[in-house]
N, C-alpha and C. Protein backbone atom coordinates (compact mmCIF):
# COMPACT_ATOMS: atom_id res chain seq x y z
N UNK A 1 27.53 -32.52 23.86
CA UNK A 1 26.09 -32.32 23.80
C UNK A 1 25.71 -31.90 22.38
N UNK A 2 24.74 -32.56 21.82
CA UNK A 2 24.30 -32.28 20.46
C UNK A 2 23.21 -31.23 20.48
N UNK A 3 23.39 -30.20 19.66
CA UNK A 3 22.40 -29.13 19.56
C UNK A 3 21.36 -29.54 18.53
N UNK A 4 20.09 -29.49 18.92
CA UNK A 4 19.01 -29.89 18.04
C UNK A 4 18.29 -28.64 17.56
N UNK A 5 18.10 -28.56 16.27
CA UNK A 5 17.37 -27.44 15.68
C UNK A 5 15.87 -27.75 15.81
N UNK A 6 15.21 -27.03 16.70
CA UNK A 6 13.79 -27.29 16.95
C UNK A 6 12.93 -26.96 15.75
N UNK A 7 13.33 -25.97 14.94
CA UNK A 7 12.57 -25.65 13.73
C UNK A 7 12.55 -26.82 12.76
N UNK A 8 13.69 -27.50 12.64
CA UNK A 8 13.77 -28.66 11.76
C UNK A 8 12.86 -29.76 12.26
N UNK A 9 12.86 -29.96 13.56
CA UNK A 9 12.00 -30.99 14.14
C UNK A 9 10.54 -30.66 13.91
N UNK A 10 10.16 -29.41 14.08
CA UNK A 10 8.78 -29.00 13.87
C UNK A 10 8.39 -29.18 12.41
N UNK A 11 9.30 -28.83 11.50
CA UNK A 11 9.01 -28.91 10.07
C UNK A 11 8.81 -30.35 9.61
N UNK A 12 9.45 -31.30 10.25
CA UNK A 12 9.28 -32.70 9.88
C UNK A 12 7.85 -33.17 10.11
N UNK A 13 7.14 -32.53 11.00
CA UNK A 13 5.77 -32.92 11.32
C UNK A 13 4.74 -32.22 10.45
N UNK A 14 5.15 -31.35 9.55
CA UNK A 14 4.24 -30.62 8.68
C UNK A 14 4.02 -31.39 7.38
N UNK A 15 2.84 -31.29 6.83
CA UNK A 15 2.60 -31.92 5.54
C UNK A 15 3.04 -30.98 4.41
N UNK A 16 2.94 -31.45 3.17
CA UNK A 16 3.42 -30.66 2.02
C UNK A 16 2.68 -29.34 1.88
N UNK A 17 1.37 -29.32 2.11
CA UNK A 17 0.59 -28.09 1.99
C UNK A 17 1.05 -27.06 3.02
N UNK A 18 1.29 -27.51 4.23
CA UNK A 18 1.73 -26.59 5.29
C UNK A 18 3.11 -26.04 5.00
N UNK A 19 4.01 -26.87 4.50
CA UNK A 19 5.35 -26.37 4.20
C UNK A 19 5.32 -25.39 3.03
N UNK A 20 4.43 -25.61 2.07
CA UNK A 20 4.30 -24.68 0.96
C UNK A 20 3.77 -23.34 1.44
N UNK A 21 2.81 -23.36 2.37
CA UNK A 21 2.25 -22.11 2.90
C UNK A 21 3.29 -21.33 3.70
N UNK A 22 4.17 -22.06 4.36
CA UNK A 22 5.20 -21.40 5.16
C UNK A 22 6.40 -20.98 4.32
N UNK A 23 6.46 -21.44 3.08
CA UNK A 23 7.59 -21.10 2.22
C UNK A 23 8.83 -21.89 2.54
N UNK A 24 8.65 -23.07 3.14
CA UNK A 24 9.79 -23.92 3.46
C UNK A 24 9.64 -25.24 2.74
N UNK A 25 10.73 -25.90 2.51
CA UNK A 25 10.66 -27.20 1.85
C UNK A 25 10.38 -27.03 0.38
N UNK A 26 9.81 -28.05 -0.20
CA UNK A 26 9.44 -27.97 -1.61
C UNK A 26 10.61 -28.24 -2.52
N UNK A 27 10.70 -27.53 -3.62
CA UNK A 27 11.70 -27.76 -4.65
C UNK A 27 13.09 -27.44 -4.12
N UNK A 28 14.00 -28.33 -4.38
CA UNK A 28 15.38 -28.15 -3.95
C UNK A 28 15.98 -26.94 -4.65
N UNK A 29 16.63 -26.07 -3.89
CA UNK A 29 17.28 -24.90 -4.46
C UNK A 29 16.36 -23.71 -4.68
N UNK A 30 15.10 -23.84 -4.28
CA UNK A 30 14.19 -22.71 -4.48
C UNK A 30 14.50 -21.62 -3.46
N UNK A 31 14.36 -20.38 -3.88
CA UNK A 31 14.66 -19.24 -3.02
C UNK A 31 13.46 -18.93 -2.13
N UNK A 32 13.74 -18.54 -0.93
CA UNK A 32 12.70 -18.09 -0.02
C UNK A 32 12.50 -16.61 -0.26
N UNK A 33 11.25 -16.22 -0.51
CA UNK A 33 10.95 -14.82 -0.81
C UNK A 33 11.03 -13.99 0.46
N UNK A 34 11.54 -12.76 0.33
CA UNK A 34 11.61 -11.88 1.50
C UNK A 34 10.21 -11.39 1.86
N UNK A 35 10.03 -10.88 3.07
CA UNK A 35 8.72 -10.34 3.45
C UNK A 35 8.40 -9.09 2.63
N UNK A 36 7.13 -8.75 2.60
CA UNK A 36 6.68 -7.56 1.88
C UNK A 36 7.37 -6.33 2.46
N UNK A 37 7.88 -5.50 1.60
CA UNK A 37 8.59 -4.31 2.03
C UNK A 37 7.70 -3.09 2.10
N UNK A 38 8.24 -1.96 1.73
CA UNK A 38 7.56 -0.68 1.84
C UNK A 38 7.36 -0.09 0.46
N UNK A 39 6.19 0.52 0.25
CA UNK A 39 5.92 1.20 -1.02
C UNK A 39 6.90 2.36 -1.17
N UNK A 40 7.46 2.54 -2.38
CA UNK A 40 8.38 3.66 -2.57
C UNK A 40 7.70 4.99 -2.21
N UNK A 41 8.47 5.86 -1.56
CA UNK A 41 7.93 7.13 -1.07
C UNK A 41 7.30 7.96 -2.19
N UNK A 42 7.92 7.98 -3.36
CA UNK A 42 7.40 8.77 -4.47
C UNK A 42 5.99 8.30 -4.86
N UNK A 43 5.80 7.00 -4.93
CA UNK A 43 4.48 6.45 -5.27
C UNK A 43 3.48 6.77 -4.17
N UNK A 44 3.89 6.61 -2.91
CA UNK A 44 3.01 6.92 -1.79
C UNK A 44 2.58 8.38 -1.82
N UNK A 45 3.55 9.26 -2.02
CA UNK A 45 3.25 10.70 -2.05
C UNK A 45 2.29 11.05 -3.19
N UNK A 46 2.48 10.41 -4.34
CA UNK A 46 1.58 10.67 -5.48
C UNK A 46 0.16 10.22 -5.15
N UNK A 47 0.04 9.05 -4.51
CA UNK A 47 -1.29 8.56 -4.14
C UNK A 47 -1.97 9.47 -3.14
N UNK A 48 -1.20 9.97 -2.18
CA UNK A 48 -1.76 10.88 -1.18
C UNK A 48 -2.26 12.15 -1.85
N UNK A 49 -1.48 12.66 -2.80
CA UNK A 49 -1.89 13.87 -3.53
C UNK A 49 -3.16 13.63 -4.33
N UNK A 50 -3.26 12.46 -4.94
CA UNK A 50 -4.46 12.14 -5.72
C UNK A 50 -5.67 12.06 -4.80
N UNK A 51 -5.50 11.43 -3.64
CA UNK A 51 -6.60 11.34 -2.67
C UNK A 51 -7.03 12.73 -2.21
N UNK A 52 -6.07 13.59 -1.90
CA UNK A 52 -6.39 14.94 -1.45
C UNK A 52 -7.06 15.73 -2.57
N UNK A 53 -6.56 15.57 -3.78
CA UNK A 53 -7.16 16.23 -4.94
C UNK A 53 -8.63 15.83 -5.07
N UNK A 54 -8.91 14.55 -4.93
CA UNK A 54 -10.29 14.07 -5.03
C UNK A 54 -11.16 14.63 -3.89
N UNK A 55 -10.60 14.73 -2.68
CA UNK A 55 -11.33 15.31 -1.55
C UNK A 55 -11.66 16.77 -1.80
N UNK A 56 -10.68 17.52 -2.29
CA UNK A 56 -10.89 18.95 -2.57
C UNK A 56 -11.94 19.11 -3.67
N UNK A 57 -11.83 18.32 -4.73
CA UNK A 57 -12.82 18.39 -5.82
C UNK A 57 -14.21 18.07 -5.31
N UNK A 58 -14.32 17.06 -4.46
CA UNK A 58 -15.61 16.69 -3.91
C UNK A 58 -16.22 17.79 -3.06
N UNK A 59 -15.40 18.40 -2.23
CA UNK A 59 -15.88 19.49 -1.37
C UNK A 59 -16.34 20.68 -2.22
N UNK A 60 -15.56 21.03 -3.21
CA UNK A 60 -15.93 22.14 -4.10
C UNK A 60 -17.24 21.82 -4.81
N UNK A 61 -17.38 20.60 -5.31
CA UNK A 61 -18.60 20.22 -6.02
C UNK A 61 -19.81 20.25 -5.10
N UNK A 62 -19.65 19.78 -3.87
CA UNK A 62 -20.78 19.78 -2.92
C UNK A 62 -21.23 21.20 -2.60
N UNK A 63 -20.28 22.09 -2.38
CA UNK A 63 -20.64 23.48 -2.08
C UNK A 63 -21.24 24.15 -3.30
N UNK A 64 -20.70 23.87 -4.48
CA UNK A 64 -21.25 24.42 -5.72
C UNK A 64 -22.69 23.96 -5.92
N UNK A 65 -22.91 22.65 -5.75
CA UNK A 65 -24.26 22.09 -5.92
C UNK A 65 -25.25 22.66 -4.92
N UNK A 66 -24.76 23.00 -3.73
CA UNK A 66 -25.63 23.57 -2.69
C UNK A 66 -25.81 25.07 -2.87
N UNK A 67 -25.12 25.67 -3.85
CA UNK A 67 -25.23 27.11 -4.09
C UNK A 67 -24.53 27.94 -3.02
N UNK A 68 -23.53 27.34 -2.38
CA UNK A 68 -22.81 28.05 -1.31
C UNK A 68 -21.48 28.59 -1.84
N UNK A 69 -20.97 29.60 -1.13
CA UNK A 69 -19.67 30.16 -1.49
C UNK A 69 -18.59 29.11 -1.23
N UNK A 70 -17.65 29.04 -2.15
CA UNK A 70 -16.55 28.08 -2.02
C UNK A 70 -15.35 28.81 -1.39
N UNK A 71 -14.79 28.19 -0.36
CA UNK A 71 -13.64 28.79 0.33
C UNK A 71 -12.49 29.00 -0.64
N UNK A 72 -11.91 30.17 -0.61
CA UNK A 72 -10.81 30.51 -1.52
C UNK A 72 -9.62 29.58 -1.29
N UNK A 73 -9.44 29.13 -0.04
CA UNK A 73 -8.33 28.21 0.27
C UNK A 73 -8.47 26.90 -0.51
N UNK A 74 -9.73 26.46 -0.69
CA UNK A 74 -9.96 25.23 -1.44
C UNK A 74 -9.60 25.43 -2.90
N UNK A 75 -9.94 26.58 -3.45
CA UNK A 75 -9.62 26.88 -4.85
C UNK A 75 -8.11 26.95 -5.03
N UNK A 76 -7.43 27.60 -4.09
CA UNK A 76 -5.97 27.71 -4.16
C UNK A 76 -5.32 26.33 -4.07
N UNK A 77 -5.82 25.49 -3.16
CA UNK A 77 -5.26 24.14 -3.02
C UNK A 77 -5.54 23.32 -4.28
N UNK A 78 -6.75 23.49 -4.82
CA UNK A 78 -7.09 22.80 -6.08
C UNK A 78 -6.09 23.18 -7.17
N UNK A 79 -5.84 24.48 -7.31
CA UNK A 79 -4.92 24.96 -8.34
C UNK A 79 -3.51 24.41 -8.14
N UNK A 80 -3.07 24.27 -6.90
CA UNK A 80 -1.75 23.70 -6.62
C UNK A 80 -1.72 22.21 -6.98
N UNK A 81 -2.77 21.51 -6.56
CA UNK A 81 -2.81 20.06 -6.78
C UNK A 81 -3.00 19.70 -8.25
N UNK A 82 -3.76 20.50 -8.97
CA UNK A 82 -4.04 20.16 -10.37
C UNK A 82 -2.75 20.19 -11.19
N UNK A 83 -1.78 20.98 -10.78
CA UNK A 83 -0.49 21.00 -11.48
C UNK A 83 0.28 19.71 -11.24
N UNK A 84 0.18 19.16 -10.03
CA UNK A 84 0.90 17.93 -9.67
C UNK A 84 0.19 16.68 -10.18
N UNK A 85 -1.13 16.65 -9.97
CA UNK A 85 -1.91 15.45 -10.22
C UNK A 85 -2.47 15.42 -11.62
N UNK A 86 -2.85 16.55 -12.12
CA UNK A 86 -3.50 16.62 -13.42
C UNK A 86 -5.00 16.56 -13.27
N UNK A 87 -5.67 16.86 -14.33
CA UNK A 87 -7.12 16.89 -14.30
C UNK A 87 -7.67 15.48 -14.44
N UNK A 88 -8.59 15.10 -13.57
CA UNK A 88 -9.21 13.76 -13.61
C UNK A 88 -10.59 13.84 -14.16
């Protein structure tokens, strides 16, 4: 009994544009690219800190503009984050 590769049969019915979109066919010897991976943890953590820094700055600015007392916890968090993120 001959085993038939159904993927090969399906690919024969695709045109050049479709095979290019699927990353199959095309130039002989071309490498198939791997799927998108994961952002390095260090970069992710830095981005999260920058986002939090911006949130804290925004909250402090809004309370300052409104003439309200600023929570000391926000100031403390700002001081911690400014060392990691830097002043923007």
